[in-house]
Amino acid sequence: MLFTPFFTLALAAVSLAAPAPSPVELEDRAVTFESIRVGLTVVITSYRSNPSTNNRQNLCRILSGLSQAQKTRLQSLGFDFSRVQCPSIVTQLNAIQSGLGAAYQAYTQNQNAQTTAALCAITSQLSASQRSRIIALGINLNVQCPSITDQLNGIQAGLGAAYQAYTRNPSRQNTAALCAITTQLTAAQQTSVTALGVDLSNVQCTTIADQLNAIQSGLGAAYLAYTQNQNTQTTAALCAITSQLTAAQRSSVAALGVTLNVQCPTLADQLNAIQAGLGQAYQAYTRNPNRRNTAALCTITTQLTAAQQTSVAALNVNLGNVPCAANLDQRLDAIADGLADAYDTLAAAPTVFANQLAYCQITNGLNAQQTARLQALNLSGAANVQCTTVLLQNRLNNNFIAGFGDAYVAYQADPSAANKATLCGLTAQLNNNQRNRLRNNLNIGVTTFGCN
């Protein structure tokens, strides 16, 4: 018979588990072993001849896959498999990866979201060699595991996508996007991430304070102080910065996932808190710096104490540019000698030509730097004075015919018949030399007046 020589040795190895069988029984048992499980005879033979760890694992793998009926038939043939010290599946899986056996057992006993997640958290980290060892045990880990991306997204929306982008390309942009999420994770969420075998500690994230400071100096420290202790002082400090942020800076802050929902009083409210009425006066002045609003603001600012002035400056409000009478004369004379008197006289009677001329003659001699300082004062009393016209009018009066400049300017402003008649009457008195000088030096052609 085909099996007689081969199974003589196999069944001899089983002799410890049963009485010595006859040769016919050996052949019958070999056939019967194979009917229970193909390959069973070979592993029994190998184990009996050499009970090594590998042979025992091969035998145990087959034994663990037998049904109770198959085990009963095997034992009836005289093979006492209880004498083979087989570790449990749980033990063998735990030996491959800590916790795998317990997770697999829990999953096979009750397949739910929790046991699936626990098993997937381990299997997703297995190496190729570990998976090969599991397959060698006859175990098929066909659990449907969500991807790491899906699991991370389940912990915090967007975390999976951000982590995936970062692992593919840890660029500055991807790092910032990931950090914007990870820095907001709760302790429980961080624990859940760690349970997936994901180590976020290697991501080089700058702190929120650092990122806010990069957007606006001091913003990070102010925000940190405010979030740790919301009081009047920390609120005011944060508001002093946030009230000055540009739209682009606010967008950058929002991109960090930071919501600046601090309840900031308006600048007007803060100024009013320093001195009653200061906020409204300053607001009116910034909207329209006319003489009335300037005077109203100066009435308050000239009475501020040094401490109040410091508080105003802390709000980034510069009252030094407000041309108050108390300090305006000093500023004007610092620009040019006599400018304060000339301006005061002009402001008192702005339509008087002599006042306009005196003011314009001084300002006409200023250099570019002095002119810029004068313009920064935004002098309302000189707002309607056209110095170019005033100086031309004076030159025409003095260098040609008395009253000619007055008539010329009046005609340019209003070419009425009366103004034309006055101008033409004076033009008729000009000699050829004067006419040529007008044309060549001042680009004024008397023929354009339309005089007969």
Protein backbone atom coordinates (compact mmCIF):
# COMPACT_ATOMS: atom_id res chain seq x y z
CA MET A 1 0.00 0.00 0.00
CA LEU A 2 1.12 3.59 -0.69
CA PHE A 3 1.00 4.85 2.90
CA THR A 4 2.48 1.80 4.68
CA PRO A 5 6.20 2.76 4.73
CA PHE A 6 5.53 6.45 5.29
CA PHE A 7 3.09 6.20 8.14
CA THR A 8 4.90 3.41 9.99
CA LEU A 9 7.22 6.09 11.39
CA ALA A 10 4.38 8.56 11.94
CA LEU A 11 2.25 6.19 13.92
CA ALA A 12 5.24 4.92 15.83
CA ALA A 13 5.66 8.49 17.03
CA VAL A 14 2.09 8.43 18.27
CA SER A 15 2.75 5.30 20.30
CA LEU A 16 3.11 7.37 23.44
CA ALA A 17 -0.51 8.45 23.08
CA ALA A 18 -2.02 5.00 22.33
CA PRO A 19 -1.28 1.25 22.38
CA ALA A 20 0.94 0.01 19.57
CA PRO A 21 -1.29 -0.58 16.55
CA SER A 22 -0.96 -3.39 14.05
CA PRO A 23 0.45 -2.73 10.54
CA VAL A 24 -3.04 -2.73 9.10
CA GLU A 25 -4.11 -0.19 11.71
CA LEU A 26 -1.16 2.02 10.77
CA GLU A 27 -2.34 2.17 7.20
CA ASP A 28 -5.93 2.77 8.19
CA ARG A 29 -4.97 5.54 10.62
CA ALA A 30 -2.83 7.32 8.03
CA VAL A 31 -5.72 7.39 5.63
CA THR A 32 -8.03 8.48 8.43
CA PHE A 33 -5.67 11.32 9.52
CA GLU A 34 -5.70 12.69 6.00
CA SER A 35 -9.47 12.47 5.89
CA ILE A 36 -9.61 14.65 8.99
CA ARG A 37 -7.25 17.29 7.61
CA VAL A 38 -4.93 17.20 4.64
CA GLY A 39 -1.33 17.45 5.84
CA LEU A 40 -2.13 16.37 9.38
CA THR A 41 -0.07 13.17 9.08
CA VAL A 42 3.03 15.08 7.96
CA VAL A 43 2.97 17.58 10.81
CA ILE A 44 2.32 14.83 13.36
CA THR A 45 5.27 12.90 11.98
CA SER A 46 7.53 15.98 11.98
CA TYR A 47 6.59 16.91 15.51
CA ARG A 48 7.04 13.37 16.88
CA SER A 49 10.43 13.05 15.24
CA ASN A 50 11.55 16.55 16.27
CA PRO A 51 9.37 18.50 18.75
CA SER A 52 11.01 21.81 17.86
CA THR A 53 9.25 25.15 18.31
CA ASN A 54 8.67 25.44 14.57
CA ASN A 55 7.22 21.90 14.28
CA ARG A 56 5.05 22.47 17.34
CA GLN A 57 3.74 25.73 15.84
CA ASN A 58 2.92 23.94 12.58
CA LEU A 59 1.05 21.24 14.48
CA CYS A 60 -0.69 23.76 16.72
CA ARG A 61 -1.75 25.82 13.72
CA ILE A 62 -3.57 22.81 12.25
CA LEU A 63 -4.98 21.69 15.58
CA SER A 64 -6.36 25.16 16.26
CA GLY A 65 -8.22 25.00 12.97
CA LEU A 66 -9.93 21.69 13.70
CA SER A 67 -13.55 21.54 14.68
CA GLN A 68 -14.57 19.77 17.85
CA ALA A 69 -15.79 16.78 15.82
CA GLN A 70 -12.43 16.56 14.04
CA LYS A 71 -10.60 16.73 17.35
CA THR A 72 -12.81 13.92 18.70
CA ARG A 73 -12.03 11.73 15.67
CA LEU A 74 -8.32 12.47 16.02
CA GLN A 75 -8.35 11.48 19.67
CA SER A 76 -10.30 8.30 18.88
CA LEU A 77 -7.39 7.30 16.67
CA GLY A 78 -5.15 7.38 19.73
CA PHE A 79 -3.56 10.84 19.27
CA ASP A 80 -3.79 12.75 22.52
CA PHE A 81 -3.37 16.32 21.25
CA SER A 82 -3.86 17.65 24.77
CA ARG A 83 -0.26 16.61 25.45
CA VAL A 84 0.94 19.09 22.81
CA GLN A 85 1.58 22.39 24.60
CA CYS A 86 0.01 24.80 22.14
CA PRO A 87 -0.04 28.47 23.11
CA SER A 88 -3.39 30.14 22.60
CA ILE A 89 -4.01 32.32 19.57
CA VAL A 90 -4.13 35.29 21.90
CA THR A 91 -0.71 34.45 23.31
CA GLN A 92 0.80 33.89 19.87
CA LEU A 93 -0.60 37.17 18.52
CA ASN A 94 0.59 39.06 21.58
CA ALA A 95 4.06 37.61 20.98
CA ILE A 96 4.00 39.14 17.51
CA GLN A 97 2.72 42.53 18.67
CA SER A 98 1.85 43.58 22.20
CA GLY A 99 -1.92 43.80 22.64
CA LEU A 100 -2.75 42.25 19.27
CA GLY A 101 -4.10 39.01 20.75
CA ALA A 102 -6.46 40.70 23.17
CA ALA A 103 -7.65 43.11 20.48
CA TYR A 104 -8.21 40.26 18.00
CA GLN A 105 -10.09 38.17 20.56
CA ALA A 106 -12.33 41.11 21.50
CA TYR A 107 -13.01 41.80 17.83
CA THR A 108 -13.89 38.18 16.97
CA GLN A 109 -16.20 37.95 19.98
CA ASN A 110 -17.99 41.24 19.27
CA GLN A 111 -17.44 43.17 16.08
CA ASN A 112 -18.41 46.77 16.78
CA ALA A 113 -16.95 50.20 16.15
CA GLN A 114 -14.92 50.15 19.36
CA THR A 115 -13.33 46.73 18.93
CA THR A 116 -12.71 47.43 15.24
CA ALA A 117 -10.95 50.69 16.04
CA ALA A 118 -8.86 49.04 18.75
CA LEU A 119 -7.75 46.23 16.44
CA CYS A 120 -7.11 48.59 13.53
CA ALA A 121 -4.99 50.84 15.73
CA ILE A 122 -2.59 47.90 16.10
CA THR A 123 -2.83 46.22 12.69
CA SER A 124 -2.25 49.48 10.85
CA GLN A 125 1.22 49.62 12.44
CA LEU A 126 2.26 46.01 11.67
CA SER A 127 5.34 45.40 9.55
CA ALA A 128 5.39 43.02 6.59
CA SER A 129 7.28 40.38 8.60
CA GLN A 130 4.73 40.59 11.41
CA ARG A 131 1.90 40.11 8.94
CA SER A 132 3.68 37.05 7.52
CA ARG A 133 3.96 35.52 10.99
CA ILE A 134 0.23 36.09 11.55
CA ILE A 135 -0.60 34.39 8.25
CA ALA A 136 1.60 31.47 9.32
CA LEU A 137 -0.77 31.02 12.28
CA GLY A 138 -3.62 30.57 9.83
CA ILE A 139 -5.22 33.85 10.86
CA ASN A 140 -6.68 36.18 8.26
CA LEU A 141 -6.90 39.74 9.54
CA ASN A 142 -9.66 40.76 7.18
CA VAL A 143 -10.93 43.51 9.47
CA GLN A 144 -12.09 46.53 7.47
CA CYS A 145 -9.93 49.29 8.90
CA PRO A 146 -10.40 52.95 8.02
CA SER A 147 -7.26 54.70 6.81
CA ILE A 148 -5.13 56.74 9.18
CA THR A 149 -6.44 59.81 7.39
CA ASP A 150 -10.05 58.82 8.09
CA GLN A 151 -9.30 57.98 11.71
CA LEU A 152 -7.53 61.29 12.29
CA ASN A 153 -10.38 63.15 10.63
CA GLY A 154 -12.70 61.32 13.01
CA ILE A 155 -10.75 62.78 15.93
CA GLN A 156 -10.69 66.33 14.53
CA ALA A 157 -12.10 67.56 11.24
CA GLY A 158 -9.31 68.19 8.74
CA LEU A 159 -6.57 66.60 10.85
CA GLY A 160 -6.19 63.57 8.60
CA ALA A 161 -5.88 65.57 5.40
CA ALA A 162 -3.44 67.99 7.03
CA TYR A 163 -1.32 65.15 8.43
CA GLN A 164 -1.29 63.34 5.09
CA ALA A 165 -0.19 66.52 3.27
CA TYR A 166 2.53 67.10 5.87
CA THR A 167 3.93 63.55 5.68
CA ARG A 168 4.08 63.78 1.89
CA ASN A 169 5.70 67.21 1.91
CA PRO A 170 6.64 68.84 5.25
CA SER A 171 6.78 72.26 3.64
CA ARG A 172 6.32 75.45 5.58
CA GLN A 173 2.75 75.76 4.35
CA ASN A 174 1.79 72.17 5.19
CA THR A 175 3.48 72.43 8.59
CA ALA A 176 1.56 75.60 9.39
CA ALA A 177 -1.72 74.01 8.29
CA LEU A 178 -1.12 70.96 10.48
CA CYS A 179 0.01 73.03 13.44
CA ALA A 180 -3.08 75.22 13.16
CA ILE A 181 -5.10 72.08 14.01
CA THR A 182 -2.80 70.20 16.38
CA THR A 183 -2.24 73.18 18.65
CA GLN A 184 -6.00 73.26 19.27
CA LEU A 185 -6.39 69.56 20.17
CA THR A 186 -7.66 68.69 23.63
CA ALA A 187 -5.78 66.27 25.87
CA ALA A 188 -8.32 63.56 25.05
CA GLN A 189 -7.88 64.11 21.32
CA GLN A 190 -4.10 63.98 21.67
CA THR A 191 -4.44 60.66 23.48
CA SER A 192 -6.63 59.32 20.66
CA VAL A 193 -4.05 60.39 18.09
CA THR A 194 -1.25 58.70 20.03
CA ALA A 195 -3.34 55.50 20.23
CA LEU A 196 -3.19 55.37 16.42
CA GLY A 197 0.60 55.28 16.58
CA VAL A 198 0.86 58.81 15.20
CA ASP A 199 3.57 60.92 16.81
CA LEU A 200 2.78 64.62 16.41
CA SER A 201 5.58 65.68 18.74
CA ASN A 202 8.01 65.61 15.82
CA VAL A 203 6.08 68.31 13.99
CA GLN A 204 7.99 71.53 14.55
CA CYS A 205 5.13 73.85 15.42
CA THR A 206 5.66 77.39 16.52
CA THR A 207 3.36 78.41 19.33
CA ILE A 208 0.24 80.45 18.69
CA ALA A 209 1.91 83.30 20.55
CA ASP A 210 4.92 83.14 18.22
CA GLN A 211 2.74 83.06 15.13
CA LEU A 212 0.64 85.99 16.36
CA ASN A 213 3.76 87.98 17.20
CA ALA A 214 4.95 87.40 13.64
CA ILE A 215 1.73 89.01 12.39
CA GLN A 216 1.95 91.99 14.74
CA SER A 217 4.59 92.66 17.35
CA GLY A 218 3.24 92.03 20.85
CA LEU A 219 -0.02 90.45 19.68
CA GLY A 220 0.95 86.94 20.82
CA ALA A 221 1.93 88.00 24.32
CA ALA A 222 -1.19 90.16 24.67
CA TYR A 223 -3.45 87.34 23.43
CA LEU A 224 -1.81 84.80 25.74
CA ALA A 225 -2.18 87.11 28.75
CA TYR A 226 -5.82 87.76 27.86
CA THR A 227 -6.74 84.09 27.45
CA GLN A 228 -5.06 83.21 30.75
CA ASN A 229 -6.70 86.03 32.70
CA GLN A 230 -9.46 88.15 31.21
CA ASN A 231 -9.50 91.40 33.14
CA THR A 232 -9.66 95.10 32.36
CA GLN A 233 -5.91 95.40 31.98
CA THR A 234 -5.36 92.42 29.67
CA THR A 235 -8.43 93.35 27.63
CA ALA A 236 -7.18 96.91 27.16
CA ALA A 237 -3.71 95.69 26.19
CA LEU A 238 -5.09 93.29 23.61
CA CYS A 239 -7.57 95.81 22.24
CA ALA A 240 -4.83 98.43 21.88
CA ILE A 241 -3.20 96.09 19.34
CA THR A 242 -6.21 94.50 17.65
CA SER A 243 -7.82 97.88 17.00
CA GLN A 244 -4.82 98.73 14.78
CA LEU A 245 -4.76 95.51 12.74
CA THR A 246 -5.22 95.74 9.00
CA ALA A 247 -7.66 93.55 7.08
CA ALA A 248 -4.73 91.45 5.81
CA GLN A 249 -3.44 90.94 9.34
CA ARG A 250 -6.90 89.90 10.56
CA SER A 251 -7.05 87.34 7.74
CA SER A 252 -3.67 85.96 8.82
CA VAL A 253 -4.93 85.67 12.41
CA ALA A 254 -8.09 83.88 11.26
CA ALA A 255 -5.97 81.44 9.20
CA LEU A 256 -4.38 80.30 12.47
CA GLY A 257 -7.80 79.34 13.77
CA VAL A 258 -7.69 82.15 16.32
CA THR A 259 -10.90 84.08 16.87
CA LEU A 260 -10.26 87.49 18.38
CA ASN A 261 -13.67 87.76 19.97
CA VAL A 262 -12.45 90.09 22.69
CA GLN A 263 -15.03 92.75 23.44
CA CYS A 264 -13.03 95.87 22.75
CA PRO A 265 -14.39 99.32 23.51
CA THR A 266 -14.15 101.73 20.59
CA LEU A 267 -11.31 104.21 20.43
CA ALA A 268 -13.80 106.95 21.21
CA ASP A 269 -14.93 105.03 24.32
CA GLN A 270 -11.36 104.55 25.50
CA LEU A 271 -10.55 108.25 25.01
CA ASN A 272 -13.74 109.21 26.85
CA ALA A 273 -12.61 106.99 29.72
CA ILE A 274 -9.41 109.04 29.92
CA GLN A 275 -11.21 112.38 29.77
CA ALA A 276 -14.92 113.02 29.34
CA GLY A 277 -15.72 114.22 25.82
CA LEU A 278 -12.25 113.53 24.42
CA GLY A 279 -13.45 110.59 22.31
CA GLN A 280 -16.22 112.51 20.55
CA ALA A 281 -14.01 115.56 20.04
CA TYR A 282 -11.19 113.48 18.55
CA GLN A 283 -13.61 111.56 16.34
CA ALA A 284 -15.16 114.79 15.03
CA TYR A 285 -11.71 116.25 14.37
CA THR A 286 -10.45 113.21 12.44
CA ARG A 287 -13.56 113.27 10.27
CA ASN A 288 -13.34 117.01 9.59
CA PRO A 289 -10.38 119.03 10.95
CA ASN A 290 -12.07 122.40 10.53
CA ARG A 291 -11.54 125.32 12.88
CA ARG A 292 -14.55 124.49 15.00
CA ASN A 293 -13.63 120.83 15.55
CA THR A 294 -9.98 121.75 16.07
CA ALA A 295 -10.91 124.31 18.71
CA ALA A 296 -13.25 121.84 20.46
CA LEU A 297 -10.53 119.19 20.61
CA CYS A 298 -7.86 121.64 21.73
CA THR A 299 -10.09 122.85 24.56
CA ILE A 300 -9.84 119.34 26.03
CA THR A 301 -6.31 118.30 25.07
CA THR A 302 -4.67 121.43 26.49
CA GLN A 303 -6.11 120.49 29.91
CA LEU A 304 -4.84 116.89 29.96
CA THR A 305 -2.43 115.87 32.71
CA ALA A 306 0.85 114.14 31.93
CA ALA A 307 -0.64 110.81 33.03
CA GLN A 308 -3.63 111.31 30.73
CA GLN A 309 -1.38 112.19 27.83
CA THR A 310 0.55 108.97 28.45
CA SER A 311 -2.71 106.98 28.43
CA VAL A 312 -3.72 108.62 25.16
CA ALA A 313 -0.35 107.82 23.59
CA ALA A 314 -0.72 104.17 24.70
CA LEU A 315 -3.76 103.99 22.41
CA ASN A 316 -1.54 105.03 19.48
CA VAL A 317 -3.30 108.38 19.27
CA ASN A 318 -0.96 111.25 18.40
CA LEU A 319 -2.41 114.53 19.65
CA GLY A 320 0.82 116.32 18.85
CA ASN A 321 -0.33 116.87 15.27
CA VAL A 322 -3.45 118.76 16.33
CA PRO A 323 -2.71 122.48 15.65
CA CYS A 324 -3.94 123.89 18.94
CA ALA A 325 -3.49 127.64 19.56
CA ALA A 326 -1.53 126.97 22.72
CA ASN A 327 1.32 125.41 20.80
CA LEU A 328 0.66 126.35 17.18
CA ASP A 329 2.57 129.65 17.32
CA GLN A 330 5.64 127.86 18.61
CA ARG A 331 5.45 125.32 15.81
CA LEU A 332 4.98 127.96 13.14
CA ASP A 333 7.88 130.08 14.34
CA ALA A 334 9.99 126.91 14.52
CA ILE A 335 9.36 126.54 10.79
CA ALA A 336 10.13 130.18 9.89
CA ASP A 337 10.52 133.42 11.82
CA GLY A 338 7.41 135.57 11.70
CA LEU A 339 5.22 132.78 10.34
CA ALA A 340 3.13 132.62 13.52
CA ASP A 341 2.25 136.34 13.40
CA ALA A 342 1.53 136.18 9.69
CA TYR A 343 -0.78 133.20 10.13
CA ASP A 344 -2.56 134.65 13.17
CA THR A 345 -3.23 137.87 11.23
CA LEU A 346 -4.44 135.90 8.23
CA ALA A 347 -6.68 133.65 10.33
CA ALA A 348 -8.25 136.74 11.90
CA ALA A 349 -9.05 138.31 8.50
CA PRO A 350 -8.48 135.73 5.75
CA THR A 351 -9.96 137.82 2.89
CA VAL A 352 -7.67 140.84 3.38
CA PHE A 353 -5.11 140.89 0.57
CA ALA A 354 -2.34 142.34 2.73
CA ASN A 355 -2.76 139.49 5.22
CA GLN A 356 -2.68 136.93 2.43
CA LEU A 357 0.41 138.54 0.89
CA ALA A 358 2.35 138.64 4.17
CA TYR A 359 1.63 134.95 4.79
CA CYS A 360 2.40 133.90 1.21
CA GLN A 361 5.66 135.83 1.05
CA ILE A 362 6.96 133.85 4.03
CA THR A 363 5.71 130.45 2.88
CA ASN A 364 7.04 131.06 -0.63
CA GLY A 365 10.55 131.14 0.81
CA LEU A 366 10.29 127.79 2.61
CA ASN A 367 12.33 124.79 1.52
CA ALA A 368 10.79 121.37 0.85
CA GLN A 369 11.24 120.14 4.42
CA GLN A 370 9.72 123.30 5.91
CA THR A 371 6.83 123.12 3.47
CA ALA A 372 6.12 119.51 4.47
CA ARG A 373 6.08 120.46 8.16
CA LEU A 374 3.71 123.32 7.43
CA GLN A 375 1.36 121.13 5.41
CA ALA A 376 1.31 118.56 8.23
CA LEU A 377 -0.27 121.21 10.48
CA ASN A 378 -3.29 121.36 8.16
CA LEU A 379 -3.91 125.06 8.89
CA SER A 380 -7.59 125.73 8.40
CA GLY A 381 -7.08 129.52 8.41
CA ALA A 382 -5.00 129.33 5.24
CA ALA A 383 -7.07 126.70 3.47
CA ASN A 384 -8.57 129.09 0.90
CA VAL A 385 -5.44 131.15 0.23
CA GLN A 386 -3.93 130.59 -3.22
CA CYS A 387 -0.42 131.88 -2.72
CA THR A 388 0.56 131.54 -6.38
CA THR A 389 -2.27 133.89 -7.36
CA VAL A 390 -1.61 136.28 -4.46
CA LEU A 391 2.06 136.65 -5.35
CA LEU A 392 1.26 137.17 -9.04
CA GLN A 393 -1.32 139.78 -8.14
CA ASN A 394 1.21 141.66 -6.04
CA ARG A 395 3.86 141.49 -8.76
CA LEU A 396 1.51 142.84 -11.40
CA ASN A 397 0.47 145.70 -9.09
CA ASN A 398 4.03 146.69 -8.23
CA ASN A 399 5.92 146.08 -11.48
CA PHE A 400 3.42 147.26 -14.08
CA ILE A 401 0.50 149.56 -13.23
CA ALA A 402 -1.09 150.03 -9.83
CA GLY A 403 -4.25 147.98 -9.67
CA PHE A 404 -3.40 145.94 -12.77
CA GLY A 405 -2.85 142.80 -10.71
CA ASP A 406 -6.15 143.30 -8.86
CA ALA A 407 -7.99 143.72 -12.16
CA TYR A 408 -6.30 140.71 -13.77
CA VAL A 409 -7.08 138.37 -10.86
CA ALA A 410 -10.66 139.62 -10.65
CA TYR A 411 -11.16 139.03 -14.38
CA GLN A 412 -9.68 135.53 -14.18
CA ALA A 413 -12.05 134.68 -11.36
CA ASP A 414 -15.08 136.29 -13.05
CA PRO A 415 -14.78 137.42 -16.71
CA SER A 416 -17.78 139.69 -16.42
CA ALA A 417 -18.24 142.80 -18.57
CA ALA A 418 -17.42 145.08 -15.64
CA ASN A 419 -14.23 143.20 -14.75
CA LYS A 420 -13.24 143.12 -18.41
CA ALA A 421 -13.76 146.86 -18.77
CA THR A 422 -11.58 147.57 -15.74
CA LEU A 423 -8.82 145.26 -16.99
CA CYS A 424 -8.94 146.66 -20.52
CA GLY A 425 -8.77 150.25 -19.21
CA LEU A 426 -5.54 149.47 -17.38
CA THR A 427 -4.17 147.38 -20.26
CA ALA A 428 -4.51 150.35 -22.59
CA GLN A 429 -2.06 152.23 -20.37
CA LEU A 430 0.67 149.60 -20.81
CA ASN A 431 3.56 150.46 -23.10
CA ASN A 432 5.11 147.97 -25.52
CA ASN A 433 7.94 147.13 -23.13
CA GLN A 434 5.47 146.23 -20.37
CA ARG A 435 3.38 144.17 -22.78
CA ASN A 436 6.48 142.25 -23.87
CA ARG A 437 7.50 141.62 -20.27
CA LEU A 438 4.03 140.28 -19.49
CA ARG A 439 4.23 137.91 -22.41
CA ASN A 440 7.83 136.80 -22.03
CA ASN A 441 8.18 136.66 -18.25
CA LEU A 442 4.69 135.80 -17.07
CA ASN A 443 3.16 134.19 -20.15
CA ILE A 444 0.29 136.69 -20.10
CA GLY A 445 -0.81 137.87 -23.54
CA VAL A 446 -2.90 141.04 -23.37
CA THR A 447 -4.47 140.18 -26.72
CA THR A 448 -6.30 137.35 -25.00
CA PHE A 449 -8.29 139.83 -22.91
CA GLY A 450 -10.47 140.70 -25.89
CA CYS A 451 -9.97 144.42 -25.47
CA ASN A 452 -10.71 146.71 -28.48
